Amino acid sequence: MGRGRVQLKRIENKINRQVTFSKRRSGLLKKANEISVLCDAEVALIVFSTKGKLFEYSTDSGMEQILDRYERYSYAERVLVATELDQGNWSLEYTKLKAKIEILQKNQRHFMGEDLESMSLKELQNLEQQLDTALKQIKSRRNQLMYESIAELQKKEKALQEQNNQLAKKLKEKEKEVAQQQIQWDQLNQDQSSPSFLLSQSLPSLNVGYEEATKAKRKELDLEQLEPSLRLCHLG
C-alpha cells in the first residue's frame, strides 16, 4: 500500500519547526546548486528564517547581477502587461462608443420620421411623447427669446426717446438764444435810424462848414479895410 499525500501545515512545536527548517533549507540549497550545475542556469536563492536570519545562494554570476536582471525583466513584463491592458481597455471603449453612436443615429432617424417600420406600438408612443416634450421645450425657449428681444427693443426705444428729449431741449434753448440776439439786433438798428442819432452824425459836418464860412467872411472884411490904404499909397 503506497504512502498517502502528506498535508502541509505549520509545525506547532518550536523545536521540531527549527529542525525541519534546517533540514529543508539544506536540501533547498542543494537543489539550487544541482539545477545550476546540471542545467547551466543562473540561480539566486534568498531565505529568511523566523528570527530574520538571511540564508542565500547564487551562481557564479553573483546575487546583484541576477537581481538586476530580474528587475529589468520584471519591469519589462509590467510594461507589457499594462500596454495589453490599455489596448484591451481602448478596444472595449471603442466598442461601447460605437454602440452608442449607432443608437444615437437610429434615434435621430426616428425623430426625422425615418425607419419607423421596425418600431412597435409602444415604441411609437414613446417617440411621440418625446417629440411632444421636445416641442414644448422648443416653444418655451422661443417665447423666452421673443420676450427678451422685446424687452431689449423697449429699452433701446426708451434710450432713444431720452436722447430725443435732450436734443429738443437743446434746440429750444438755441432758438431762444437766437431770438434774443435778433431782438438786440433790431433794437440796435432802430437806435441808429432815429433823428437824434442822425443829427449827432450830421453836426460835425455843419460845424466844419460854419467855420469855413466865418473864415472867408473875415478875410473879405480884412480886404475891404485894407483897400483905402492901398489906394493912398498908390497915389503918393
Protein backbone atom coordinates (compact mmCIF):
# COMPACT_ATOMS: atom_id res chain seq x y z
CA MET A 1 0.00 0.00 0.00
CA GLY A 2 1.51 3.34 -1.05
CA ARG A 3 2.06 6.33 1.17
CA GLY A 4 -0.74 8.86 1.27
CA ARG A 5 -0.17 12.50 0.42
CA VAL A 6 1.10 14.40 3.42
CA GLN A 7 -0.92 17.51 4.21
CA LEU A 8 1.34 20.53 4.64
CA LYS A 9 0.63 22.80 7.57
CA ARG A 10 2.55 24.84 10.11
CA ILE A 11 4.52 22.84 12.68
CA GLU A 12 3.32 23.97 16.06
CA ASN A 13 6.28 22.60 18.08
CA LYS A 14 9.02 25.21 18.04
CA ILE A 15 11.94 22.73 18.26
CA ASN A 16 10.55 20.47 15.57
CA ARG A 17 9.89 23.52 13.41
CA GLN A 18 13.51 24.66 13.77
CA VAL A 19 14.89 21.21 12.96
CA THR A 20 12.63 20.91 9.91
CA PHE A 21 13.71 24.37 8.71
CA SER A 22 17.38 23.45 8.98
CA LYS A 23 16.89 20.20 7.05
CA ARG A 24 14.68 21.70 4.34
CA ARG A 25 17.00 24.70 3.97
CA SER A 26 19.98 22.48 3.35
CA GLY A 27 18.02 20.42 0.84
CA LEU A 28 16.79 23.59 -0.92
CA LEU A 29 20.32 24.97 -1.21
CA LYS A 30 21.49 21.61 -2.54
CA LYS A 31 18.72 21.51 -5.15
CA ALA A 32 19.56 25.07 -6.24
CA ASN A 33 23.19 24.10 -6.71
CA GLU A 34 22.23 20.94 -8.63
CA ILE A 35 19.93 22.77 -11.08
CA SER A 36 22.59 25.43 -11.73
CA VAL A 37 25.27 22.79 -12.45
CA LEU A 38 23.13 20.34 -14.39
CA CYS A 39 21.18 22.87 -16.48
CA ASP A 40 23.71 25.75 -16.65
CA ALA A 41 21.09 28.07 -15.17
CA GLU A 42 21.57 31.25 -13.20
CA VAL A 43 20.06 30.70 -9.75
CA ALA A 44 19.56 33.08 -6.86
CA LEU A 45 18.01 31.83 -3.66
CA ILE A 46 17.09 34.01 -0.66
CA VAL A 47 15.67 32.61 2.57
CA PHE A 48 14.83 34.40 5.83
CA SER A 49 14.29 32.38 8.96
CA THR A 50 11.61 33.07 11.55
CA LYS A 51 14.12 35.13 13.54
CA GLY A 52 15.06 37.14 10.44
CA LYS A 53 18.37 35.45 9.67
CA LEU A 54 19.36 35.55 6.00
CA PHE A 55 20.40 32.47 4.00
CA GLU A 56 21.24 32.88 0.34
CA TYR A 57 22.74 31.07 -2.62
CA SER A 58 23.74 32.34 -6.06
CA THR A 59 25.65 31.03 -9.03
CA ASP A 60 28.99 32.40 -10.20
CA SER A 61 27.38 35.49 -11.83
CA GLY A 62 26.60 36.85 -8.38
CA MET A 63 23.49 37.82 -6.47
CA GLU A 64 23.46 41.52 -7.53
CA GLN A 65 23.73 40.76 -11.24
CA ILE A 66 20.94 38.19 -11.04
CA LEU A 67 18.72 40.61 -9.09
CA ASP A 68 19.38 43.42 -11.60
CA ARG A 69 18.43 41.11 -14.40
CA TYR A 70 15.28 40.16 -12.52
CA GLU A 71 14.36 43.83 -12.02
CA ARG A 72 14.80 44.60 -15.72
CA TYR A 73 12.73 41.63 -16.75
CA SER A 74 10.06 42.33 -14.17
CA TYR A 75 9.79 46.00 -15.29
CA ALA A 76 9.52 45.00 -18.96
CA GLU A 77 6.90 42.44 -18.06
CA ARG A 78 4.86 45.01 -16.13
CA VAL A 79 5.05 47.49 -19.01
CA LEU A 80 3.92 44.82 -21.45
CA VAL A 81 1.01 43.81 -19.25
CA ALA A 82 0.00 47.44 -18.77
CA THR A 83 0.14 48.02 -22.54
CA GLU A 84 -2.01 44.98 -23.18
CA LEU A 85 -4.48 46.19 -20.56
CA ASP A 86 -4.57 49.64 -22.13
CA GLN A 87 -5.14 48.14 -25.55
CA GLY A 88 -7.87 45.98 -24.14
CA ASN A 89 -9.47 48.98 -22.43
CA TRP A 90 -9.26 51.03 -25.62
CA SER A 91 -10.81 48.19 -27.58
CA LEU A 92 -13.63 47.89 -25.05
CA GLU A 93 -14.13 51.65 -25.00
CA TYR A 94 -14.24 51.75 -28.80
CA THR A 95 -16.89 49.04 -28.84
CA LYS A 96 -19.01 50.95 -26.32
CA LEU A 97 -18.69 54.25 -28.19
CA LYS A 98 -19.54 52.58 -31.47
CA ALA A 99 -22.69 51.07 -29.97
CA LYS A 100 -23.70 54.47 -28.54
CA ILE A 101 -23.18 56.17 -31.91
CA GLU A 102 -25.34 53.57 -33.63
CA ILE A 103 -28.12 54.08 -31.06
CA LEU A 104 -27.93 57.87 -31.47
CA GLN A 105 -28.06 57.63 -35.26
CA LYS A 106 -31.04 55.30 -35.02
CA ASN A 107 -32.87 57.67 -32.66
CA GLN A 108 -32.09 60.59 -34.98
CA ARG A 109 -33.64 58.76 -37.92
CA HIS A 110 -36.71 58.00 -35.81
CA PHE A 111 -37.05 61.68 -34.82
CA MET A 112 -36.85 62.58 -38.51
CA GLY A 113 -39.70 60.14 -39.23
CA GLU A 114 -37.49 57.54 -40.90
CA ASP A 115 -37.12 53.78 -40.30
CA LEU A 116 -40.41 53.60 -38.37
CA GLU A 117 -41.45 50.23 -39.82
CA SER A 118 -39.41 48.25 -37.32
CA MET A 119 -40.87 50.08 -34.29
CA SER A 120 -43.62 48.62 -32.15
CA LEU A 121 -46.73 50.46 -30.98
CA LYS A 122 -45.23 51.15 -27.56
CA GLU A 123 -42.01 52.46 -29.10
CA LEU A 124 -44.02 54.75 -31.38
CA GLN A 125 -45.98 56.08 -28.40
CA ASN A 126 -42.75 56.75 -26.52
CA LEU A 127 -41.35 58.51 -29.57
CA GLU A 128 -44.48 60.65 -29.85
CA GLN A 129 -44.24 61.57 -26.18
CA GLN A 130 -40.59 62.54 -26.58
CA LEU A 131 -41.42 64.70 -29.60
CA ASP A 132 -44.25 66.42 -27.69
CA THR A 133 -41.92 67.15 -24.80
CA ALA A 134 -39.23 68.45 -27.14
CA LEU A 135 -41.78 70.63 -28.97
CA LYS A 136 -42.96 72.15 -25.67
CA GLN A 137 -39.39 72.93 -24.69
CA ILE A 138 -38.72 74.48 -28.12
CA LYS A 139 -41.81 76.70 -27.84
CA SER A 140 -40.88 77.73 -24.31
CA ARG A 141 -37.38 78.66 -25.41
CA ARG A 142 -38.73 80.54 -28.44
CA ASN A 143 -41.14 82.56 -26.27
CA GLN A 144 -38.36 83.35 -23.83
CA LEU A 145 -36.14 84.65 -26.64
CA MET A 146 -39.03 86.72 -28.03
CA TYR A 147 -39.72 88.30 -24.64
CA GLU A 148 -36.04 89.07 -24.18
CA SER A 149 -35.89 90.62 -27.67
CA ILE A 150 -38.98 92.76 -26.98
CA ALA A 151 -37.56 93.92 -23.66
CA GLU A 152 -34.29 94.85 -25.34
CA LEU A 153 -36.14 96.81 -28.07
CA GLN A 154 -38.18 98.64 -25.44
CA LYS A 155 -35.02 99.52 -23.59
CA LYS A 156 -33.45 100.90 -26.78
CA GLU A 157 -36.65 102.83 -27.56
CA LYS A 158 -36.59 104.42 -24.11
CA ALA A 159 -32.95 105.42 -24.56
CA LEU A 160 -33.70 106.95 -27.98
CA GLN A 161 -36.67 108.83 -26.54
CA GLU A 162 -34.48 110.28 -23.81
CA GLN A 163 -31.93 111.35 -26.42
CA ASN A 164 -34.69 113.00 -28.49
CA ASN A 165 -35.95 114.87 -25.43
CA GLN A 166 -32.48 116.15 -24.67
CA LEU A 167 -31.98 117.26 -28.29
CA ALA A 168 -35.36 119.01 -28.31
CA LYS A 169 -34.47 120.81 -25.08
CA LYS A 170 -31.13 121.96 -26.50
CA LEU A 171 -32.89 123.09 -29.72
CA LYS A 172 -35.39 125.20 -27.76
CA GLU A 173 -32.60 126.80 -25.78
CA LYS A 174 -30.75 127.57 -29.03
CA GLU A 175 -33.88 129.08 -30.62
CA LYS A 176 -34.43 131.22 -27.53
CA GLU A 177 -30.84 132.45 -27.67
CA VAL A 178 -31.16 133.31 -31.37
CA ALA A 179 -34.42 135.16 -30.72
CA GLN A 180 -32.78 137.24 -28.01
CA GLN A 181 -29.89 138.09 -30.32
CA GLN A 182 -32.39 139.11 -33.04
CA ILE A 183 -34.21 141.39 -30.62
CA GLN A 184 -30.95 143.05 -29.61
CA TRP A 185 -30.01 143.48 -33.28
CA ASP A 186 -33.39 145.01 -34.17
CA GLN A 187 -33.16 147.40 -31.24
CA LEU A 188 -29.69 148.49 -32.34
CA ASN A 189 -30.94 149.16 -35.88
CA GLN A 190 -33.83 151.25 -34.55
CA ASP A 191 -31.46 153.37 -32.45
CA GLN A 192 -29.25 154.06 -35.45
CA SER A 193 -32.18 155.18 -37.64
CA SER A 194 -33.63 157.65 -35.04
CA PRO A 195 -33.44 161.52 -35.77
CA SER A 196 -31.26 162.21 -32.73
CA PHE A 197 -28.72 159.70 -33.96
CA LEU A 198 -28.76 161.19 -37.46
CA LEU A 199 -28.44 164.69 -36.03
CA SER A 200 -25.47 163.69 -33.94
CA GLN A 201 -23.88 162.22 -37.01
CA SER A 202 -24.51 165.41 -39.18
CA LEU A 203 -23.45 168.03 -36.57
CA PRO A 204 -19.67 167.70 -37.19
CA SER A 205 -20.08 168.45 -40.93
CA LEU A 206 -22.26 171.52 -40.19
CA ASN A 207 -19.73 172.87 -37.73
CA VAL A 208 -16.98 172.49 -40.30
CA GLY A 209 -18.99 174.43 -42.93
CA TYR A 210 -19.80 177.21 -40.48
CA GLU A 211 -16.15 177.65 -39.51
CA GLU A 212 -15.07 177.83 -43.16
CA ALA A 213 -17.71 180.46 -43.94
CA THR A 214 -16.68 182.55 -40.95
CA LYS A 215 -13.05 182.48 -42.03
CA ALA A 216 -13.98 183.57 -45.58
CA LYS A 217 -16.10 186.45 -44.25
CA ARG A 218 -13.24 187.65 -42.06
CA LYS A 219 -10.84 187.62 -45.00
CA GLU A 220 -13.30 189.65 -47.03
CA LEU A 221 -13.65 192.27 -44.27
CA ASP A 222 -9.90 192.48 -43.89
CA LEU A 223 -9.53 193.17 -47.60
CA GLU A 224 -12.16 195.91 -47.53
CA GLN A 225 -10.35 197.62 -44.68
CA LEU A 226 -7.01 197.46 -46.43
CA GLU A 227 -8.23 198.71 -49.81
CA PRO A 228 -8.26 202.58 -48.95
CA SER A 229 -4.78 202.47 -47.52
CA LEU A 230 -3.54 200.65 -50.63
CA ARG A 231 -5.09 203.33 -52.83
CA LEU A 232 -3.37 206.19 -50.88
CA CYS A 233 -0.08 204.50 -51.19
CA HIS A 234 -0.57 204.22 -54.91
CA LEU A 235 -1.38 207.95 -55.27
CA GLY A 236 1.59 209.12 -53.26
